[in-house]
């Protein structure tokens, strides 16, 4: 019987164990998908570190893109997914019944399930993203149109929908984000880069990308994606950064700040940079990285609009695909962000992610 490799997390903090699993036909309602690319997300690092607990053993990973190799005719007709289609696997399984689901915000379902949480010792074994094959519910697959390179699509497969959902929450709150003129993106990882692209696509005039340390390569990429200027805390310091922002905004401050760094110390800095009635989007703080002191009266006196955003919906994945279709000029730059590893090299890949060697790390065949 043919087998495929999967990287099993047996306990937080331990190296992944790469094991071989038998490949079988998918059960009704699921498809068997061959790996094209599977991204390593900051969330996966938090899980591996034990800051986001999961039940083990498990094959984690939630950015799987592949080609459908086997699917039943019934499932194919029902969901319009065909053999040989390139697809994104959406791992979230909202309940559809809680208050959030019923109010149209299933991304924040209080009874959320996932497709990748099952024990890999149970057939068909390969439920998560860190494997050469994946078995997922057909209802959770989104077809990638032929105009889009699947590997390029994988680079922002999580970061893109994450940012787009944060923007959609801001729009639902009538925050006026679409009128922004001066904006700041804190952090230049995948979420930060996509946020820069999204703001640029909106025609925002002043997009400032903010990093902790100087990094000429990332600065160059941020400018390609649409940033007007890149500044660093290391080189400029907060006082000069705020001075620059106020010079652009008639002394007011930024209209919108997007926290994409994951560093808790970024939060009070983001609040400092905002103008009165400014909007702070916070999709980047995704695990317990320790407390941080803030001045809560600033929320009051500035009348700040702070919007947290964690998960995303199936519709956000489709919106991400639509974004890529509308912005073909970004594709080659997006693909240049990828660093590739085989599944059996996953522990080295995680070491390199922690060391900050890569912008986006992908597992590929």
Protein backbone atom coordinates (compact mmCIF):
# COMPACT_ATOMS: atom_id res chain seq x y z
CA UNK A 1 0.00 0.00 0.00
CA UNK A 2 1.22 3.47 -0.83
CA UNK A 3 2.22 5.63 2.14
CA UNK A 4 2.78 9.33 2.80
CA UNK A 5 4.78 11.20 5.42
CA UNK A 6 3.17 13.25 8.16
CA UNK A 7 4.84 15.30 10.92
CA UNK A 8 3.29 14.33 14.25
CA UNK A 9 3.34 16.59 17.31
CA UNK A 10 3.47 14.20 20.28
CA UNK A 11 3.78 16.86 23.00
CA UNK A 12 4.48 20.58 23.26
CA UNK A 13 8.15 21.39 23.02
CA UNK A 14 9.19 18.05 21.53
CA UNK A 15 10.55 17.65 18.00
CA UNK A 16 8.02 16.54 15.43
CA UNK A 17 8.07 12.82 14.62
CA UNK A 18 7.90 12.17 10.87
CA UNK A 19 5.94 8.97 10.29
CA UNK A 20 4.61 7.08 7.31
CA UNK A 21 0.85 6.60 7.02
CA UNK A 22 -1.13 4.41 4.61
CA UNK A 23 -3.02 6.21 1.86
CA UNK A 24 -6.59 4.99 1.53
CA UNK A 25 -9.67 6.16 -0.35
CA UNK A 26 -11.38 9.04 1.44
CA UNK A 27 -14.61 8.34 3.32
CA UNK A 28 -17.81 9.87 1.98
CA UNK A 29 -17.82 13.60 2.60
CA UNK A 30 -14.02 13.92 2.44
CA UNK A 31 -11.44 14.32 -0.30
CA UNK A 32 -7.88 13.04 -0.57
CA UNK A 33 -5.57 15.92 -1.50
CA UNK A 34 -1.92 15.77 -2.57
CA UNK A 35 0.39 18.44 -1.13
CA UNK A 36 1.38 21.44 -3.23
CA UNK A 37 2.38 23.74 -0.36
CA UNK A 38 1.58 24.03 3.33
CA UNK A 39 2.55 27.11 5.28
CA UNK A 40 4.04 27.29 8.76
CA UNK A 41 2.20 30.03 10.63
CA UNK A 42 3.16 31.86 13.80
CA UNK A 43 0.18 30.11 15.38
CA UNK A 44 1.84 26.74 14.67
CA UNK A 45 4.95 27.93 16.52
CA UNK A 46 2.78 28.97 19.48
CA UNK A 47 1.18 25.50 19.47
CA UNK A 48 4.57 23.80 19.32
CA UNK A 49 5.77 25.98 22.19
CA UNK A 50 2.72 25.05 24.29
CA UNK A 51 1.27 28.56 24.38
CA UNK A 52 -1.82 27.37 22.50
CA UNK A 53 -2.68 23.94 23.93
CA UNK A 54 -3.93 21.15 21.66
CA UNK A 55 -4.65 17.50 22.27
CA UNK A 56 -1.78 15.26 21.15
CA UNK A 57 -0.77 13.30 19.17
CA UNK A 58 -1.82 15.50 16.27
CA UNK A 59 -0.69 16.69 12.86
CA UNK A 60 -1.04 20.46 13.06
CA UNK A 61 -0.87 22.97 10.21
CA UNK A 62 -3.78 24.96 8.79
CA UNK A 63 -2.47 26.42 5.52
CA UNK A 64 -2.66 23.35 3.28
CA UNK A 65 -3.00 23.79 -0.47
CA UNK A 66 -3.05 20.82 -2.79
CA UNK A 67 -4.53 19.03 -5.77
CA UNK A 68 -7.61 16.87 -5.27
CA UNK A 69 -6.60 13.31 -6.04
CA UNK A 70 -9.72 11.42 -5.02
CA UNK A 71 -13.32 12.49 -4.37
CA UNK A 72 -16.68 10.75 -4.72
CA UNK A 73 -18.99 11.73 -7.57
CA UNK A 74 -21.68 12.64 -5.04
CA UNK A 75 -19.40 15.02 -3.12
CA UNK A 76 -18.01 16.44 -6.34
CA UNK A 77 -21.45 17.34 -7.65
CA UNK A 78 -22.70 18.64 -4.31
CA UNK A 79 -19.77 20.99 -3.66
CA UNK A 80 -18.54 21.71 -7.21
CA UNK A 81 -15.07 20.37 -6.41
CA UNK A 82 -13.52 18.12 -9.08
CA UNK A 83 -10.64 15.72 -9.23
CA UNK A 84 -7.40 17.60 -10.11
CA UNK A 85 -8.76 20.92 -8.79
CA UNK A 86 -6.29 22.99 -6.79
CA UNK A 87 -7.85 23.81 -3.42
CA UNK A 88 -7.29 25.60 -0.14
CA UNK A 89 -8.28 23.64 2.96
CA UNK A 90 -10.30 25.75 5.42
CA UNK A 91 -9.93 24.07 8.82
CA UNK A 92 -12.62 25.89 10.84
CA UNK A 93 -15.93 24.16 11.59
CA UNK A 94 -18.34 26.69 13.16
CA UNK A 95 -21.38 25.23 14.88
CA UNK A 96 -23.94 27.33 12.98
CA UNK A 97 -26.16 27.60 16.05
CA UNK A 98 -24.54 29.93 18.60
CA UNK A 99 -25.27 33.66 18.86
CA UNK A 100 -22.22 34.60 16.78
CA UNK A 101 -23.00 32.14 14.00
CA UNK A 102 -26.63 33.22 13.87
CA UNK A 103 -25.63 36.88 13.70
CA UNK A 104 -23.40 36.34 10.67
CA UNK A 105 -20.03 36.16 12.44
CA UNK A 106 -19.20 32.46 12.41
CA UNK A 107 -15.49 33.32 12.52
CA UNK A 108 -16.03 33.92 16.24
CA UNK A 109 -18.17 30.83 16.87
CA UNK A 110 -18.03 29.92 20.57
CA UNK A 111 -18.23 26.19 19.76
CA UNK A 112 -15.65 26.18 16.97
CA UNK A 113 -14.31 22.84 15.78
CA UNK A 114 -11.42 22.14 13.43
CA UNK A 115 -10.73 19.63 10.67
CA UNK A 116 -7.12 19.01 11.73
CA UNK A 117 -7.62 18.04 15.37
CA UNK A 118 -8.17 14.27 15.03
CA UNK A 119 -5.71 11.65 16.23
CA UNK A 120 -3.43 10.60 13.34
CA UNK A 121 -3.57 7.01 14.59
CA UNK A 122 -7.19 6.95 13.37
CA UNK A 123 -7.79 6.44 9.63
CA UNK A 124 -7.50 8.25 7.29
CA UNK A 125 -4.70 9.62 9.52
CA UNK A 126 -3.63 12.76 7.64
CA UNK A 127 -5.99 15.46 8.87
CA UNK A 128 -3.53 18.33 9.35
CA UNK A 129 -1.39 20.45 7.10
CA UNK A 130 2.09 19.13 7.87
CA UNK A 131 1.89 16.10 5.63
CA UNK A 132 2.35 14.98 2.04
CA UNK A 133 -1.39 14.31 1.76
CA UNK A 134 -4.47 15.67 3.49
CA UNK A 135 -7.97 14.33 4.09
CA UNK A 136 -10.52 17.07 4.69
CA UNK A 137 -14.29 17.57 4.42
CA UNK A 138 -15.22 18.60 0.88
CA UNK A 139 -17.41 21.33 2.39
CA UNK A 140 -14.19 22.94 3.70
CA UNK A 141 -12.42 23.15 0.33
CA UNK A 142 -12.17 26.33 -1.73
CA UNK A 143 -11.20 25.93 -5.36
CA UNK A 144 -8.25 27.97 -6.62
CA UNK A 145 -8.91 29.28 -10.14
CA UNK A 146 -6.39 28.34 -12.84
CA UNK A 147 -5.21 31.95 -13.14
CA UNK A 148 -3.53 31.67 -9.72
CA UNK A 149 -0.35 29.74 -9.02
CA UNK A 150 -1.21 27.47 -6.04
CA UNK A 151 2.17 27.89 -4.33
CA UNK A 152 1.94 31.67 -4.61
CA UNK A 153 -1.59 31.47 -3.20
CA UNK A 154 -0.26 29.55 -0.20
CA UNK A 155 2.07 32.35 0.92
CA UNK A 156 -0.77 34.42 2.41
CA UNK A 157 -3.35 31.61 2.73
CA UNK A 158 -3.84 32.44 6.42
CA UNK A 159 -2.48 35.99 6.66
CA UNK A 160 -4.64 37.24 3.77
CA UNK A 161 -8.02 36.09 5.13
CA UNK A 162 -6.94 37.15 8.64
CA UNK A 163 -6.33 40.73 7.50
CA UNK A 164 -9.44 40.84 5.33
CA UNK A 165 -11.62 39.67 8.22
CA UNK A 166 -10.18 42.38 10.48
CA UNK A 167 -11.04 44.97 7.85
CA UNK A 168 -14.54 43.54 7.50
CA UNK A 169 -15.10 43.88 11.26
CA UNK A 170 -13.96 47.50 11.05
CA UNK A 171 -16.44 48.09 8.23
CA UNK A 172 -19.25 46.43 10.19
CA UNK A 173 -18.46 48.77 13.08
CA UNK A 174 -18.77 51.80 10.76
CA UNK A 175 -15.30 52.90 11.82
CA UNK A 176 -14.64 54.91 8.65
CA UNK A 177 -11.52 52.90 7.87
CA UNK A 178 -12.15 53.31 4.14
CA UNK A 179 -11.40 57.05 4.50
CA UNK A 180 -7.97 56.53 6.06
CA UNK A 181 -5.14 58.73 4.85
CA UNK A 182 -2.33 58.07 7.35
CA UNK A 183 -1.86 54.45 8.40
CA UNK A 184 0.73 52.39 10.26
CA UNK A 185 1.40 48.66 10.02
CA UNK A 186 3.33 47.28 12.99
CA UNK A 187 5.45 44.31 11.95
CA UNK A 188 6.59 42.92 8.61
CA UNK A 189 5.74 39.26 8.77
CA UNK A 190 3.07 37.75 6.50
CA UNK A 191 0.19 39.55 8.24
CA UNK A 192 2.04 42.86 8.06
CA UNK A 193 2.95 42.50 4.40
CA UNK A 194 -0.60 41.63 3.42
CA UNK A 195 -1.95 44.54 5.47
CA UNK A 196 0.34 46.86 3.51
CA UNK A 197 -1.00 45.40 0.25
CA UNK A 198 -4.60 45.76 1.39
CA UNK A 199 -4.12 49.41 2.36
CA UNK A 200 -2.36 50.10 -0.94
CA UNK A 201 -5.25 48.52 -2.85
CA UNK A 202 -7.58 50.94 -1.06
CA UNK A 203 -5.57 53.90 -2.35
CA UNK A 204 -4.29 54.97 1.08
CA UNK A 205 -1.75 57.74 0.53
CA UNK A 206 0.49 57.34 3.57
CA UNK A 207 1.30 53.75 4.59
CA UNK A 208 4.08 53.51 7.17
CA UNK A 209 5.51 50.05 7.79
CA UNK A 210 7.05 49.84 11.24
CA UNK A 211 9.64 47.25 12.31
CA UNK A 212 11.57 46.64 15.50
CA UNK A 213 14.98 46.33 13.88
CA UNK A 214 16.29 47.45 10.54
CA UNK A 215 16.00 44.85 7.80
CA UNK A 216 16.85 46.21 4.33
CA UNK A 217 15.38 43.21 2.50
CA UNK A 218 12.00 43.42 4.24
CA UNK A 219 12.01 47.20 3.86
CA UNK A 220 12.49 46.86 0.10
CA UNK A 221 9.63 44.36 -0.11
CA UNK A 222 7.31 46.60 1.92
CA UNK A 223 7.92 49.42 -0.54
CA UNK A 224 7.18 47.07 -3.45
CA UNK A 225 3.89 46.10 -1.81
CA UNK A 226 2.86 49.75 -1.46
CA UNK A 227 4.32 51.22 1.72
CA UNK A 228 5.25 54.88 1.42
CA UNK A 229 7.94 54.59 4.07
CA UNK A 230 9.48 51.98 6.36
CA UNK A 231 10.70 53.03 9.82
CA UNK A 232 12.27 51.03 12.63
CA UNK A 233 12.28 51.44 16.39
CA UNK A 234 15.98 50.59 16.36
CA UNK A 235 16.94 53.44 14.01
CA UNK A 236 14.29 56.10 14.62
CA UNK A 237 12.79 55.51 18.07
CA UNK A 238 9.15 56.11 18.99
CA UNK A 239 9.47 59.88 19.47
CA UNK A 240 10.70 60.44 15.90
CA UNK A 241 8.15 58.00 14.50
CA UNK A 242 5.27 59.81 16.19
CA UNK A 243 6.72 63.16 15.11
CA UNK A 244 6.76 61.95 11.50
CA UNK A 245 3.19 60.65 11.72
CA UNK A 246 1.96 63.95 13.13
CA UNK A 247 3.75 65.86 10.39
CA UNK A 248 1.74 63.89 7.83
CA UNK A 249 -1.55 64.39 9.66
CA UNK A 250 -1.62 68.07 10.63
CA UNK A 251 -0.55 67.15 14.14
CA UNK A 252 -3.32 64.62 14.72
CA UNK A 253 -1.83 61.12 14.47
CA UNK A 254 -2.59 58.03 12.41
CA UNK A 255 -6.12 57.28 11.25
CA UNK A 256 -5.53 53.52 11.42
CA UNK A 257 -2.87 51.34 13.04
CA UNK A 258 -2.71 47.60 12.39
CA UNK A 259 -0.92 45.41 14.95
CA UNK A 260 0.75 42.58 13.02
CA UNK A 261 3.88 41.96 15.05
CA UNK A 262 2.60 39.74 17.86
CA UNK A 263 4.80 41.61 20.32
CA UNK A 264 2.76 42.77 23.36
CA UNK A 265 4.87 45.94 23.66
CA UNK A 266 3.53 47.02 20.27
CA UNK A 267 0.05 47.61 21.72
CA UNK A 268 0.76 50.74 23.84
CA UNK A 269 2.93 52.04 21.00
CA UNK A 270 0.05 51.59 18.56
CA UNK A 271 -2.27 53.51 20.85
CA UNK A 272 0.29 56.32 21.09
CA UNK A 273 0.43 56.68 17.30
CA UNK A 274 -3.32 57.01 16.79
CA UNK A 275 -5.24 60.24 16.49
CA UNK A 276 -8.42 60.99 18.40
CA UNK A 277 -11.12 58.57 17.16
CA UNK A 278 -8.40 56.50 15.51
CA UNK A 279 -8.95 52.84 14.71
CA UNK A 280 -6.68 50.13 16.07
CA UNK A 281 -6.97 46.73 14.37
CA UNK A 282 -5.39 43.97 16.44
CA UNK A 283 -5.17 40.63 14.59
CA UNK A 284 -1.54 39.99 15.62
CA UNK A 285 -1.73 39.09 19.33
CA UNK A 286 -2.54 35.40 18.95
CA UNK A 287 -1.09 33.79 22.08
CA UNK A 288 -0.20 34.62 25.66
CA UNK A 289 3.18 36.27 25.23
CA UNK A 290 2.99 38.02 28.58
CA UNK A 291 1.27 41.13 29.95
CA UNK A 292 1.96 44.70 28.96
CA UNK A 293 1.20 47.96 30.71
CA UNK A 294 -1.11 50.39 28.93
CA UNK A 295 -2.53 53.79 29.87
CA UNK A 296 -6.29 53.06 29.74
CA UNK A 297 -7.21 56.72 30.02
CA UNK A 298 -5.79 57.09 26.50
CA UNK A 299 -8.69 54.97 25.23
CA UNK A 300 -11.06 57.37 26.94
CA UNK A 301 -9.51 60.71 26.08
CA UNK A 302 -8.67 59.75 22.50
CA UNK A 303 -11.99 57.92 22.10
CA UNK A 304 -10.10 55.10 20.42
CA UNK A 305 -11.83 52.39 18.43
CA UNK A 306 -10.00 49.13 19.22
CA UNK A 307 -11.04 46.07 17.20
CA UNK A 308 -9.67 42.62 17.90
CA UNK A 309 -9.86 39.94 15.22
CA UNK A 310 -8.66 36.34 15.47
CA UNK A 311 -10.32 33.80 13.18
CA UNK A 312 -11.70 34.24 9.67
CA UNK A 313 -14.65 32.88 7.72
CA UNK A 314 -14.92 30.77 4.59
CA UNK A 315 -16.06 33.93 2.81
CA UNK A 316 -12.80 35.66 3.78
CA UNK A 317 -10.85 32.91 2.01
CA UNK A 318 -12.89 33.52 -1.12
CA UNK A 319 -12.31 37.26 -0.73
CA UNK A 320 -8.59 36.54 -0.50
CA UNK A 321 -8.70 34.65 -3.78
CA UNK A 322 -10.62 37.54 -5.36
CA UNK A 323 -7.98 39.97 -4.04
CA UNK A 324 -5.21 37.98 -5.74
CA UNK A 325 -7.16 37.88 -8.99
CA UNK A 326 -7.58 41.66 -8.93
CA UNK A 327 -3.91 42.33 -8.12
CA UNK A 328 -1.82 40.20 -10.50
CA UNK A 329 1.05 42.69 -10.32
CA UNK A 330 1.80 41.44 -6.79
CA UNK A 331 2.13 37.74 -7.63
CA UNK A 332 5.83 37.49 -8.42
CA UNK A 333 6.77 39.46 -5.31
CA UNK A 334 4.47 37.33 -3.17
CA UNK A 335 6.06 34.13 -4.45
CA UNK A 336 9.53 35.52 -3.74
CA UNK A 337 8.71 35.49 -0.01
CA UNK A 338 8.59 31.67 0.12
CA UNK A 339 11.29 29.43 1.58
CA UNK A 340 10.68 25.73 0.88
CA UNK A 341 11.27 22.59 2.97
CA UNK A 342 10.21 18.96 2.66
CA UNK A 343 7.90 17.45 5.28
CA UNK A 344 10.77 15.34 6.67
CA UNK A 345 12.73 18.56 7.29
CA UNK A 346 10.03 20.12 9.46
CA UNK A 347 12.15 20.45 12.60
CA UNK A 348 14.81 22.37 10.68
CA UNK A 349 12.05 24.49 9.16
CA UNK A 350 10.72 25.38 12.63
CA UNK A 351 14.24 26.22 13.82
CA UNK A 352 14.63 28.61 10.89
CA UNK A 353 11.22 30.19 11.56
CA UNK A 354 12.19 30.85 15.18
CA UNK A 355 15.52 32.30 14.06
CA UNK A 356 13.71 34.73 11.76
CA UNK A 357 15.50 33.43 8.67
CA UNK A 358 12.40 33.31 6.48
CA UNK A 359 9.48 35.59 5.71
CA UNK A 360 7.20 32.68 4.78
CA UNK A 361 8.09 29.05 5.31
CA UNK A 362 6.37 26.43 3.16
CA UNK A 363 6.41 22.66 3.19
CA UNK A 364 6.44 21.42 -0.40
CA UNK A 365 6.91 18.06 -2.14
